[in-house]
Amino acid sequence: MKGFDHVPVLLEECMEGLALKSGGIYFDGTVGGGGHSYEILKRTSPDGRLIATDLDDEAIEAASERLKEFDGRFSIHKSDYKNFERVFEEENIDKIDGAILDFGVSSRQLDCEERGFSYMKPSAPLDMRMDRTQAFTAEELINTYSREDLAKILREYGEEKFASLIAANIVRARTRCAIRTCGELADIIENSIPYKFRQNGPAARKSFQAVRIAVNGELTGLYECVLSLTRRLKTNGRIAIITFHSLEDRIVKQAFRLLETDCICDKSLPVCVCGKVQEIEILTKKPITASEEEIRRNSRSGSAKLRIARKI
């Protein structure tokens, strides 16, 4: 599928970080168009194995086509990566050699008008579902949530300082007519933000991010998933996680810190009683970011941050 035919973000950095080896078992929790998965299979030939998940039917179709030359060495499940335990059980897998999670929204999803992810597509329906079989959409959220709940979503998931004003204006606008398109929502957001604060990029960006996160439950259970997935690595196994906004990155950073800590007791205690031991070595003390050359080729890579850890 041509729309997914793009070079994945931080590809070489991810492949190097995973320390790929022939015969290894790897998990790609967000397969997208199969870019990272393709390289994993290529670099673990002839007998590396890949298990992947995604919620987007179009992504699964595109990835399956892209990976078909490795038939017999991979399987893709329509599933949230957070349900990896169930997927591993179906695949009869206990431990893995590596895992990659890429939390970016694909160019296909952003550019496809009918998917309703982008404020740059004014006539697009308010949809934003990763899984299009899911009933709940951005339109329902925008037209049914209370002012207080809308403000909370915009504030917590979008870090939007004008969340309360935007929420109030959304509620006011929908009393006249249901808000159905990305353009209608973008206009409300734009008119809610004082002019001098609209000079730092598109006014609707943070709010659209927040609504998308809420519709898809992107942050729900993320911390627990990073902990449990990392614990399924074999000794010296690697996990690489690419985030695209500070909320995701903060959660990944906190999970890695807990896994790297060898004691979580109250420091006033004379001896450790928790029994916690160090589980990983964080290999990226600061996140890896895209080079200037990559950002020139793909502007969306500019906000990407990669963190890598090794199981000990």
C-alpha atoms as a PDB file:
ATOM      1  CA  MET A   1       0.000   0.000   0.000  1.00  0.00           C
ATOM      2  CA  LYS A   2       1.736   3.101  -1.296  1.00  0.00           C
ATOM      3  CA  GLY A   3       0.607   5.373   1.535  1.00  0.00           C
ATOM      4  CA  PHE A   4       2.636   3.400   4.029  1.00  0.00           C
ATOM      5  CA  ASP A   5       5.747   3.226   1.817  1.00  0.00           C
ATOM      6  CA  HIS A   6       8.025   5.488   3.816  1.00  0.00           C
ATOM      7  CA  VAL A   7      11.344   5.260   5.616  1.00  0.00           C
ATOM      8  CA  PRO A   8      10.706   4.667   9.328  1.00  0.00           C
ATOM      9  CA  VAL A   9      11.993   7.141  11.889  1.00  0.00           C
ATOM     10  CA  LEU A  10      15.455   6.599  13.428  1.00  0.00           C
ATOM     11  CA  LEU A  11      15.835   3.325  11.537  1.00  0.00           C
ATOM     12  CA  GLU A  12      19.584   2.767  11.856  1.00  0.00           C
ATOM     13  CA  GLU A  13      19.623   3.945  15.461  1.00  0.00           C
ATOM     14  CA  CYS A  14      16.883   1.434  16.320  1.00  0.00           C
ATOM     15  CA  MET A  15      18.526  -1.461  14.508  1.00  0.00           C
ATOM     16  CA  GLU A  16      21.882  -0.783  16.143  1.00  0.00           C
ATOM     17  CA  GLY A  17      20.218  -0.389  19.528  1.00  0.00           C
ATOM     18  CA  LEU A  18      18.422  -3.732  19.256  1.00  0.00           C
ATOM     19  CA  ALA A  19      21.720  -5.587  18.644  1.00  0.00           C
ATOM     20  CA  LEU A  20      19.949  -7.912  16.214  1.00  0.00           C
ATOM     21  CA  LYS A  21      21.086 -11.496  15.772  1.00  0.00           C
ATOM     22  CA  SER A  22      20.170 -14.428  13.567  1.00  0.00           C
ATOM     23  CA  GLY A  23      17.713 -16.779  15.210  1.00  0.00           C
ATOM     24  CA  GLY A  24      16.397 -14.145  17.602  1.00  0.00           C
ATOM     25  CA  ILE A  25      12.742 -13.575  18.416  1.00  0.00           C
ATOM     26  CA  TYR A  26      11.607  -9.944  18.132  1.00  0.00           C
ATOM     27  CA  PHE A  27       8.398  -8.049  18.829  1.00  0.00           C
ATOM     28  CA  ASP A  28       7.225  -4.973  16.919  1.00  0.00           C
ATOM     29  CA  GLY A  29       4.258  -3.657  18.861  1.00  0.00           C
ATOM     30  CA  THR A  30       3.365  -0.913  16.381  1.00  0.00           C
ATOM     31  CA  VAL A  31       4.068  -2.424  12.980  1.00  0.00           C
ATOM     32  CA  GLY A  32       2.669   0.454  10.888  1.00  0.00           C
ATOM     33  CA  GLY A  33       3.749  -0.095   7.280  1.00  0.00           C
ATOM     34  CA  GLY A  34       6.382  -2.615   8.336  1.00  0.00           C
ATOM     35  CA  GLY A  35       9.477  -0.446   7.963  1.00  0.00           C
ATOM     36  CA  HIS A  36      11.209  -1.395  11.203  1.00  0.00           C
ATOM     37  CA  SER A  37       9.882  -4.969  10.930  1.00  0.00           C
ATOM     38  CA  TYR A  38      11.348  -5.356   7.450  1.00  0.00           C
ATOM     39  CA  GLU A  39      14.812  -4.420   8.631  1.00  0.00           C
ATOM     40  CA  ILE A  40      14.558  -6.683  11.667  1.00  0.00           C
ATOM     41  CA  LEU A  41      13.701  -9.669   9.460  1.00  0.00           C
ATOM     42  CA  LYS A  42      16.336  -8.758   6.879  1.00  0.00           C
ATOM     43  CA  ARG A  43      19.090  -8.389   9.464  1.00  0.00           C
ATOM     44  CA  THR A  44      18.194 -11.554  11.396  1.00  0.00           C
ATOM     45  CA  SER A  45      18.171 -13.827   8.337  1.00  0.00           C
ATOM     46  CA  PRO A  46      17.919 -16.688   7.788  1.00  0.00           C
ATOM     47  CA  ASP A  47      15.998 -17.724  10.887  1.00  0.00           C
ATOM     48  CA  GLY A  48      15.072 -14.674  12.952  1.00  0.00           C
ATOM     49  CA  ARG A  49      11.419 -14.526  13.956  1.00  0.00           C
ATOM     50  CA  LEU A  50       9.140 -11.506  14.265  1.00  0.00           C
ATOM     51  CA  ILE A  51       5.835 -11.129  16.093  1.00  0.00           C
ATOM     52  CA  ALA A  52       3.998  -7.863  15.412  1.00  0.00           C
ATOM     53  CA  THR A  53       0.792  -6.107  16.395  1.00  0.00           C
ATOM     54  CA  ASP A  54      -1.246  -3.158  15.166  1.00  0.00           C
ATOM     55  CA  LEU A  55      -4.829  -1.933  15.415  1.00  0.00           C
ATOM     56  CA  ASP A  56      -5.031  -0.414  11.945  1.00  0.00           C
ATOM     57  CA  ASP A  57      -6.309  -2.814   9.267  1.00  0.00           C
ATOM     58  CA  GLU A  58      -4.686  -0.782   6.485  1.00  0.00           C
ATOM     59  CA  ALA A  59      -1.331  -0.893   8.286  1.00  0.00           C
ATOM     60  CA  ILE A  60      -1.590  -4.652   8.759  1.00  0.00           C
ATOM     61  CA  GLU A  61      -2.391  -5.111   5.060  1.00  0.00           C
ATOM     62  CA  ALA A  62       0.517  -2.900   4.023  1.00  0.00           C
ATOM     63  CA  ALA A  63       2.974  -4.559   6.410  1.00  0.00           C
ATOM     64  CA  SER A  64       1.907  -8.055   5.350  1.00  0.00           C
ATOM     65  CA  GLU A  65       2.575  -7.136   1.719  1.00  0.00           C
ATOM     66  CA  ARG A  66       5.906  -5.528   2.528  1.00  0.00           C
ATOM     67  CA  LEU A  67       7.131  -8.501   4.563  1.00  0.00           C
ATOM     68  CA  LYS A  68       5.901 -11.269   2.261  1.00  0.00           C
ATOM     69  CA  GLU A  69       9.441 -12.181   1.152  1.00  0.00           C
ATOM     70  CA  PHE A  70       9.992 -13.375   4.736  1.00  0.00           C
ATOM     71  CA  ASP A  71       6.921 -15.608   4.698  1.00  0.00           C
ATOM     72  CA  GLY A  72       7.049 -18.166   7.503  1.00  0.00           C
ATOM     73  CA  ARG A  73       9.219 -16.018   9.749  1.00  0.00           C
ATOM     74  CA  PHE A  74       6.652 -13.434  10.897  1.00  0.00           C
ATOM     75  CA  SER A  75       3.085 -13.092  12.096  1.00  0.00           C
ATOM     76  CA  ILE A  76       0.999  -9.947  12.543  1.00  0.00           C
ATOM     77  CA  HIS A  77      -1.878  -9.796  15.022  1.00  0.00           C
ATOM     78  CA  LYS A  78      -4.648  -7.216  15.035  1.00  0.00           C
ATOM     79  CA  SER A  79      -4.184  -6.222  18.651  1.00  0.00           C
ATOM     80  CA  ASP A  80      -3.139  -3.393  20.908  1.00  0.00           C
ATOM     81  CA  TYR A  81       0.544  -3.863  21.754  1.00  0.00           C
ATOM     82  CA  LYS A  82      -0.476  -3.594  25.403  1.00  0.00           C
ATOM     83  CA  ASN A  83      -2.094  -6.998  24.988  1.00  0.00           C
ATOM     84  CA  PHE A  84       1.233  -8.595  24.075  1.00  0.00           C
ATOM     85  CA  GLU A  85       0.871 -11.204  26.840  1.00  0.00           C
ATOM     86  CA  ARG A  86      -2.102 -12.740  25.034  1.00  0.00           C
ATOM     87  CA  VAL A  87      -0.277 -12.571  21.693  1.00  0.00           C
ATOM     88  CA  PHE A  88       2.820 -14.256  23.144  1.00  0.00           C
ATOM     89  CA  GLU A  89       0.641 -16.990  24.585  1.00  0.00           C
ATOM     90  CA  GLU A  90      -0.949 -17.589  21.186  1.00  0.00           C
ATOM     91  CA  GLU A  91       2.518 -17.761  19.633  1.00  0.00           C
ATOM     92  CA  ASN A  92       3.828 -20.018  22.409  1.00  0.00           C
ATOM     93  CA  ILE A  93       6.526 -17.473  23.290  1.00  0.00           C
ATOM     94  CA  ASP A  94       7.942 -16.931  26.759  1.00  0.00           C
ATOM     95  CA  LYS A  95      10.963 -14.665  26.331  1.00  0.00           C
ATOM     96  CA  ILE A  96      12.081 -12.479  23.424  1.00  0.00           C
ATOM     97  CA  ASP A  97      15.425 -11.110  22.242  1.00  0.00           C
ATOM     98  CA  GLY A  98      14.172  -7.641  21.488  1.00  0.00           C
ATOM     99  CA  ALA A  99      11.181  -5.332  21.241  1.00  0.00           C
ATOM    100  CA  ILE A 100      10.436  -2.081  19.459  1.00  0.00           C
ATOM    101  CA  LEU A 101       7.569   0.341  19.982  1.00  0.00           C
ATOM    102  CA  ASP A 102       7.090   3.329  17.672  1.00  0.00           C
ATOM    103  CA  PHE A 103       4.291   5.562  18.953  1.00  0.00           C
ATOM    104  CA  GLY A 104       4.150   7.851  15.944  1.00  0.00           C
ATOM    105  CA  VAL A 105       1.005   8.318  13.869  1.00  0.00           C
ATOM    106  CA  SER A 106       1.867   7.208  10.332  1.00  0.00           C
ATOM    107  CA  SER A 107       2.001   9.612   7.401  1.00  0.00           C
ATOM    108  CA  ARG A 108      -0.769   7.549   5.819  1.00  0.00           C
ATOM    109  CA  GLN A 109      -3.046   8.150   8.800  1.00  0.00           C
ATOM    110  CA  LEU A 110      -2.308  11.864   8.901  1.00  0.00           C
ATOM    111  CA  ASP A 111      -2.595  12.408   5.157  1.00  0.00           C
ATOM    112  CA  CYS A 112      -5.684  10.282   4.540  1.00  0.00           C
ATOM    113  CA  GLU A 113      -8.558  12.756   4.822  1.00  0.00           C
ATOM    114  CA  GLU A 114     -11.210  10.208   5.746  1.00  0.00           C
ATOM    115  CA  ARG A 115      -9.246   9.139   8.831  1.00  0.00           C
ATOM    116  CA  GLY A 116      -9.813  12.549  10.418  1.00  0.00           C
ATOM    117  CA  PHE A 117      -6.522  12.845  12.313  1.00  0.00           C
ATOM    118  CA  SER A 118      -5.288  16.177  11.005  1.00  0.00           C
ATOM    119  CA  TYR A 119      -6.241  19.799  11.533  1.00  0.00           C
ATOM    120  CA  MET A 120      -4.680  20.329   8.083  1.00  0.00           C
ATOM    121  CA  LYS A 121      -7.656  18.540   6.488  1.00  0.00           C
ATOM    122  CA  PRO A 122     -10.588  20.912   7.183  1.00  0.00           C
ATOM    123  CA  SER A 123     -13.302  18.866   5.459  1.00  0.00           C
ATOM    124  CA  ALA A 124     -12.233  15.603   7.115  1.00  0.00           C
ATOM    125  CA  PRO A 125     -14.690  13.954   9.532  1.00  0.00           C
ATOM    126  CA  LEU A 126     -13.763  14.002  13.207  1.00  0.00           C
ATOM    127  CA  ASP A 127     -12.685  10.373  13.500  1.00  0.00           C
ATOM    128  CA  MET A 128      -9.106   9.736  14.771  1.00  0.00           C
ATOM    129  CA  ARG A 129      -9.607   6.009  15.408  1.00  0.00           C
ATOM    130  CA  MET A 130      -6.540   3.799  15.050  1.00  0.00           C
ATOM    131  CA  ASP A 131      -8.898   0.808  14.980  1.00  0.00           C
ATOM    132  CA  ARG A 132     -11.721   1.671  12.603  1.00  0.00           C
ATOM    133  CA  THR A 133     -13.928  -1.079  13.987  1.00  0.00           C
ATOM    134  CA  GLN A 134     -13.996   0.808  17.283  1.00  0.00           C
ATOM    135  CA  ALA A 135     -17.301   2.626  17.758  1.00  0.00           C
ATOM    136  CA  PHE A 136     -16.024   5.619  19.738  1.00  0.00           C
ATOM    137  CA  THR A 137     -14.799   8.533  17.592  1.00  0.00           C
ATOM    138  CA  ALA A 138     -13.460  12.037  18.074  1.00  0.00           C
ATOM    139  CA  GLU A 139     -16.834  13.393  16.951  1.00  0.00           C
ATOM    140  CA  GLU A 140     -18.575  11.619  19.803  1.00  0.00           C
ATOM    141  CA  LEU A 141     -16.003  12.835  22.307  1.00  0.00           C
ATOM    142  CA  ILE A 142     -16.214  16.450  21.152  1.00  0.00           C
ATOM    143  CA  ASN A 143     -20.016  16.505  21.081  1.00  0.00           C
ATOM    144  CA  THR A 144     -20.820  14.602  24.289  1.00  0.00           C
ATOM    145  CA  TYR A 145     -18.091  15.159  26.875  1.00  0.00           C
ATOM    146  CA  SER A 146     -18.696  17.783  29.557  1.00  0.00           C
ATOM    147  CA  ARG A 147     -16.803  21.053  29.557  1.00  0.00           C
ATOM    148  CA  GLU A 148     -14.824  19.878  32.588  1.00  0.00           C
ATOM    149  CA  ASP A 149     -13.844  16.570  30.961  1.00  0.00           C
ATOM    150  CA  LEU A 150     -12.893  18.247  27.698  1.00  0.00           C
ATOM    151  CA  ALA A 151     -10.721  20.758  29.539  1.00  0.00           C
ATOM    152  CA  LYS A 152      -9.024  17.946  31.474  1.00  0.00           C
ATOM    153  CA  ILE A 153      -8.223  16.045  28.271  1.00  0.00           C
ATOM    154  CA  LEU A 154      -6.826  19.129  26.545  1.00  0.00           C
ATOM    155  CA  ARG A 155      -4.810  20.099  29.603  1.00  0.00           C
ATOM    156  CA  GLU A 156      -3.405  16.680  30.494  1.00  0.00           C
ATOM    157  CA  TYR A 157      -2.924  15.132  27.058  1.00  0.00           C
ATOM    158  CA  GLY A 158      -2.190  18.262  25.057  1.00  0.00           C
ATOM    159  CA  GLU A 159      -0.528  20.405  27.723  1.00  0.00           C
ATOM    160  CA  GLU A 160      -2.723  23.191  26.369  1.00  0.00           C
ATOM    161  CA  LYS A 161      -2.666  26.298  28.571  1.00  0.00           C
ATOM    162  CA  PHE A 162      -5.968  27.556  27.119  1.00  0.00           C
ATOM    163  CA  ALA A 163      -7.759  24.233  27.724  1.00  0.00           C
ATOM    164  CA  SER A 164     -10.602  25.714  29.782  1.00  0.00           C
ATOM    165  CA  LEU A 165     -11.375  28.415  27.244  1.00  0.00           C
ATOM    166  CA  ILE A 166     -11.259  25.997  24.314  1.00  0.00           C
ATOM    167  CA  ALA A 167     -13.526  23.530  26.140  1.00  0.00           C
ATOM    168  CA  ALA A 168     -16.033  26.264  26.955  1.00  0.00           C
ATOM    169  CA  ASN A 169     -16.110  27.391  23.322  1.00  0.00           C
ATOM    170  CA  ILE A 170     -16.574  23.828  22.087  1.00  0.00           C
ATOM    171  CA  VAL A 171     -19.582  23.368  24.372  1.00  0.00           C
ATOM    172  CA  ARG A 172     -21.010  26.716  23.293  1.00  0.00           C
ATOM    173  CA  ALA A 173     -20.566  25.931  19.582  1.00  0.00           C
ATOM    174  CA  ARG A 174     -22.150  22.486  19.753  1.00  0.00           C
ATOM    175  CA  THR A 175     -25.362  23.878  21.276  1.00  0.00           C
ATOM    176  CA  ARG A 176     -25.957  25.567  17.912  1.00  0.00           C
ATOM    177  CA  CYS A 177     -24.860  22.673  15.710  1.00  0.00           C
ATOM    178  CA  ALA A 178     -22.924  19.416  16.147  1.00  0.00           C
ATOM    179  CA  ILE A 179     -19.208  19.727  15.427  1.00  0.00           C
ATOM    180  CA  ARG A 180     -18.481  17.179  12.709  1.00  0.00           C
ATOM    181  CA  THR A 181     -15.311  18.110  10.826  1.00  0.00           C
ATOM    182  CA  CYS A 182     -11.649  18.732  11.631  1.00  0.00           C
ATOM    183  CA  GLY A 183     -11.967  22.215  10.184  1.00  0.00           C
ATOM    184  CA  GLU A 184     -14.858  23.150  12.468  1.00  0.00           C
ATOM    185  CA  LEU A 185     -12.936  22.021  15.538  1.00  0.00           C
ATOM    186  CA  ALA A 186      -9.732  23.702  14.372  1.00  0.00           C
ATOM    187  CA  ASP A 187     -11.559  27.006  13.875  1.00  0.00           C
ATOM    188  CA  ILE A 188     -12.999  26.877  17.405  1.00  0.00           C
ATOM    189  CA  ILE A 189      -9.533  26.212  18.835  1.00  0.00           C
ATOM    190  CA  GLU A 190      -7.950  28.941  16.707  1.00  0.00           C
ATOM    191  CA  ASN A 191     -10.521  31.500  17.856  1.00  0.00           C
ATOM    192  CA  SER A 192     -10.070  30.493  21.492  1.00  0.00           C
ATOM    193  CA  ILE A 193      -6.355  31.272  21.640  1.00  0.00           C
ATOM    194  CA  PRO A 194      -5.161  34.896  21.884  1.00  0.00           C
ATOM    195  CA  TYR A 195      -3.481  36.060  18.691  1.00  0.00           C
ATOM    196  CA  LYS A 196      -0.027  36.532  20.193  1.00  0.00           C
ATOM    197  CA  PHE A 197       0.045  32.852  21.217  1.00  0.00           C
ATOM    198  CA  ARG A 198      -0.774  31.639  17.705  1.00  0.00           C
ATOM    199  CA  GLN A 199       2.664  32.542  16.379  1.00  0.00           C
ATOM    200  CA  ASN A 200       4.373  29.394  17.679  1.00  0.00           C
ATOM    201  CA  GLY A 201       2.996  26.916  15.170  1.00  0.00           C
ATOM    202  CA  PRO A 202      -0.525  25.664  14.397  1.00  0.00           C
ATOM    203  CA  ALA A 203      -2.895  26.589  17.215  1.00  0.00           C
ATOM    204  CA  ALA A 204      -4.839  23.330  16.969  1.00  0.00           C
ATOM    205  CA  ARG A 205      -1.866  20.934  17.142  1.00  0.00           C
ATOM    206  CA  LYS A 206      -1.891  20.326  20.901  1.00  0.00           C
ATOM    207  CA  SER A 207      -5.658  19.928  21.129  1.00  0.00           C
ATOM    208  CA  PHE A 208      -5.825  17.494  18.197  1.00  0.00           C
ATOM    209  CA  GLN A 209      -3.063  15.453  19.831  1.00  0.00           C
ATOM    210  CA  ALA A 210      -5.019  15.396  23.085  1.00  0.00           C
ATOM    211  CA  VAL A 211      -8.258  14.273  21.447  1.00  0.00           C
ATOM    212  CA  ARG A 212      -6.460  11.538  19.477  1.00  0.00           C
ATOM    213  CA  ILE A 213      -4.813  10.220  22.652  1.00  0.00           C
ATOM    214  CA  ALA A 214      -8.163  10.166  24.452  1.00  0.00           C
ATOM    215  CA  VAL A 215     -10.042   8.471  21.602  1.00  0.00           C
ATOM    216  CA  ASN A 216      -7.466   5.676  21.359  1.00  0.00           C
ATOM    217  CA  GLY A 217      -6.538   5.377  25.041  1.00  0.00           C
ATOM    218  CA  GLU A 218      -2.911   5.763  24.067  1.00  0.00           C
ATOM    219  CA  LEU A 219      -1.512   6.501  27.520  1.00  0.00           C
ATOM    220  CA  THR A 220      -3.766   4.160  29.479  1.00  0.00           C
ATOM    221  CA  GLY A 221      -1.668   1.278  30.771  1.00  0.00           C
ATOM    222  CA  LEU A 222       1.472   2.461  28.958  1.00  0.00           C
ATOM    223  CA  TYR A 223       3.662   2.547  32.080  1.00  0.00           C
ATOM    224  CA  GLU A 224       2.620  -0.966  33.134  1.00  0.00           C
ATOM    225  CA  CYS A 225       3.121  -2.250  29.580  1.00  0.00           C
ATOM    226  CA  VAL A 226       6.693  -0.935  29.354  1.00  0.00           C
ATOM    227  CA  LEU A 227       7.507  -2.607  32.672  1.00  0.00           C
ATOM    228  CA  SER A 228       5.994  -5.970  31.803  1.00  0.00           C
ATOM    229  CA  LEU A 229       7.233  -6.076  28.192  1.00  0.00           C
ATOM    230  CA  THR A 230      10.794  -5.260  29.266  1.00  0.00           C
ATOM    231  CA  ARG A 231      10.631  -8.051  31.817  1.00  0.00           C
ATOM    232  CA  ARG A 232       9.882 -10.516  28.993  1.00  0.00           C
ATOM    233  CA  LEU A 233      13.296  -9.873  27.442  1.00  0.00           C
ATOM    234  CA  LYS A 234      15.970 -12.537  27.621  1.00  0.00           C
ATOM    235  CA  THR A 235      19.221 -11.628  29.364  1.00  0.00           C
ATOM    236  CA  ASN A 236      20.997  -9.036  27.164  1.00  0.00           C
ATOM    237  CA  GLY A 237      17.774  -8.526  25.194  1.00  0.00           C
ATOM    238  CA  ARG A 238      17.072  -4.956  24.091  1.00  0.00           C
ATOM    239  CA  ILE A 239      13.986  -2.748  23.984  1.00  0.00           C
ATOM    240  CA  ALA A 240      13.792   0.393  21.821  1.00  0.00           C
ATOM    241  CA  ILE A 241      10.939   2.871  22.235  1.00  0.00           C
ATOM    242  CA  ILE A 242      10.271   5.899  20.015  1.00  0.00           C
ATOM    243  CA  THR A 243       8.026   8.614  21.422  1.00  0.00           C
ATOM    244  CA  PHE A 244       6.759  11.790  19.791  1.00  0.00           C
ATOM    245  CA  HIS A 245       5.571  13.953  22.664  1.00  0.00           C
ATOM    246  CA  SER A 246       6.651  14.681  26.210  1.00  0.00           C
ATOM    247  CA  LEU A 247       3.843  12.739  27.904  1.00  0.00           C
ATOM    248  CA  GLU A 248       4.864   9.424  26.298  1.00  0.00           C
ATOM    249  CA  ASP A 249       8.545  10.103  26.781  1.00  0.00           C
ATOM    250  CA  ARG A 250       8.061  10.920  30.462  1.00  0.00           C
ATOM    251  CA  ILE A 251       6.205   7.646  31.046  1.00  0.00           C
ATOM    252  CA  VAL A 252       8.881   5.583  29.273  1.00  0.00           C
ATOM    253  CA  LYS A 253      11.633   7.398  31.177  1.00  0.00           C
ATOM    254  CA  GLN A 254       9.934   6.734  34.524  1.00  0.00           C
ATOM    255  CA  ALA A 255       9.398   3.038  33.717  1.00  0.00           C
ATOM    256  CA  PHE A 256      13.027   2.595  32.686  1.00  0.00           C
ATOM    257  CA  ARG A 257      14.208   4.337  35.853  1.00  0.00           C
ATOM    258  CA  LEU A 258      12.205   1.974  38.044  1.00  0.00           C
ATOM    259  CA  LEU A 259      13.559  -1.050  36.179  1.00  0.00           C
ATOM    260  CA  GLU A 260      17.130   0.225  36.565  1.00  0.00           C
ATOM    261  CA  THR A 261      16.753   0.912  40.304  1.00  0.00           C
ATOM    262  CA  ASP A 262      18.047  -1.767  42.676  1.00  0.00           C
ATOM    263  CA  CYS A 263      16.158  -0.633  45.781  1.00  0.00           C
ATOM    264  CA  ILE A 264      12.945   1.327  46.305  1.00  0.00           C
ATOM    265  CA  CYS A 265      12.891   1.285  50.108  1.00  0.00           C
ATOM    266  CA  ASP A 266      12.429   4.397  52.211  1.00  0.00           C
ATOM    267  CA  LYS A 267      15.953   5.814  52.498  1.00  0.00           C
ATOM    268  CA  SER A 268      15.494   6.153  56.271  1.00  0.00           C
ATOM    269  CA  LEU A 269      15.543   2.363  56.654  1.00  0.00           C
ATOM    270  CA  PRO A 270      18.928   0.949  57.749  1.00  0.00           C
ATOM    271  CA  VAL A 271      18.752  -2.005  55.310  1.00  0.00           C
ATOM    272  CA  CYS A 272      16.865  -2.899  52.131  1.00  0.00           C
ATOM    273  CA  VAL A 273      13.688  -4.846  52.789  1.00  0.00           C
ATOM    274  CA  CYS A 274      11.998  -4.509  49.361  1.00  0.00           C
ATOM    275  CA  GLY A 275      14.107  -7.076  47.557  1.00  0.00           C
ATOM    276  CA  LYS A 276      14.072  -5.007  44.365  1.00  0.00           C
ATOM    277  CA  VAL A 277      17.060  -5.664  42.116  1.00  0.00           C
ATOM    278  CA  GLN A 278      18.318  -3.830  39.043  1.00  0.00           C
ATOM    279  CA  GLU A 279      16.640  -5.322  35.970  1.00  0.00           C
ATOM    280  CA  ILE A 280      17.985  -3.256  33.074  1.00  0.00           C
ATOM    281  CA  GLU A 281      20.814  -1.027  31.986  1.00  0.00           C
ATOM    282  CA  ILE A 282      19.596   2.146  30.304  1.00  0.00           C
ATOM    283  CA  LEU A 283      21.746   2.571  27.194  1.00  0.00           C
ATOM    284  CA  THR A 284      20.483   6.061  26.348  1.00  0.00           C
ATOM    285  CA  LYS A 285      21.073   8.382  29.275  1.00  0.00           C
ATOM    286  CA  LYS A 286      19.666  11.066  26.999  1.00  0.00           C
ATOM    287  CA  PRO A 287      17.203  10.160  24.258  1.00  0.00           C
ATOM    288  CA  ILE A 288      18.486   9.795  20.711  1.00  0.00           C
ATOM    289  CA  THR A 289      16.969  12.299  18.284  1.00  0.00           C
ATOM    290  CA  ALA A 290      16.886  12.516  14.506  1.00  0.00           C
ATOM    291  CA  SER A 291      19.813  13.999  12.631  1.00  0.00           C
ATOM    292  CA  GLU A 292      19.437  17.238  10.688  1.00  0.00           C
ATOM    293  CA  GLU A 293      19.583  15.207   7.474  1.00  0.00           C
ATOM    294  CA  GLU A 294      16.728  12.936   8.572  1.00  0.00           C
ATOM    295  CA  ILE A 295      14.621  15.906   9.634  1.00  0.00           C
ATOM    296  CA  ARG A 296      15.178  17.469   6.192  1.00  0.00           C
ATOM    297  CA  ARG A 297      13.945  14.238   4.592  1.00  0.00           C
ATOM    298  CA  ASN A 298      11.079  13.765   7.036  1.00  0.00           C
ATOM    299  CA  SER A 299      10.014  16.781   9.067  1.00  0.00           C
ATOM    300  CA  ARG A 300       7.828  14.590  11.314  1.00  0.00           C
ATOM    301  CA  SER A 301      10.981  12.940  12.698  1.00  0.00           C
ATOM    302  CA  GLY A 302      11.905  16.220  14.379  1.00  0.00           C
ATOM    303  CA  SER A 303       9.936  15.443  17.542  1.00  0.00           C
ATOM    304  CA  ALA A 304      11.013  11.792  17.821  1.00  0.00           C
ATOM    305  CA  LYS A 305      12.920  10.567  20.876  1.00  0.00           C
ATOM    306  CA  LEU A 306      14.424   7.087  21.124  1.00  0.00           C
ATOM    307  CA  ARG A 307      15.215   5.367  24.411  1.00  0.00           C
ATOM    308  CA  ILE A 308      16.943   1.975  24.571  1.00  0.00           C
ATOM    309  CA  ALA A 309      17.529  -0.415  27.461  1.00  0.00           C
ATOM    310  CA  ARG A 310      19.259  -3.785  27.909  1.00  0.00           C
ATOM    311  CA  LYS A 311      17.965  -6.556  30.149  1.00  0.00           C
ATOM    312  CA  ILE A 312      20.544  -7.755  32.665  1.00  0.00           C
END
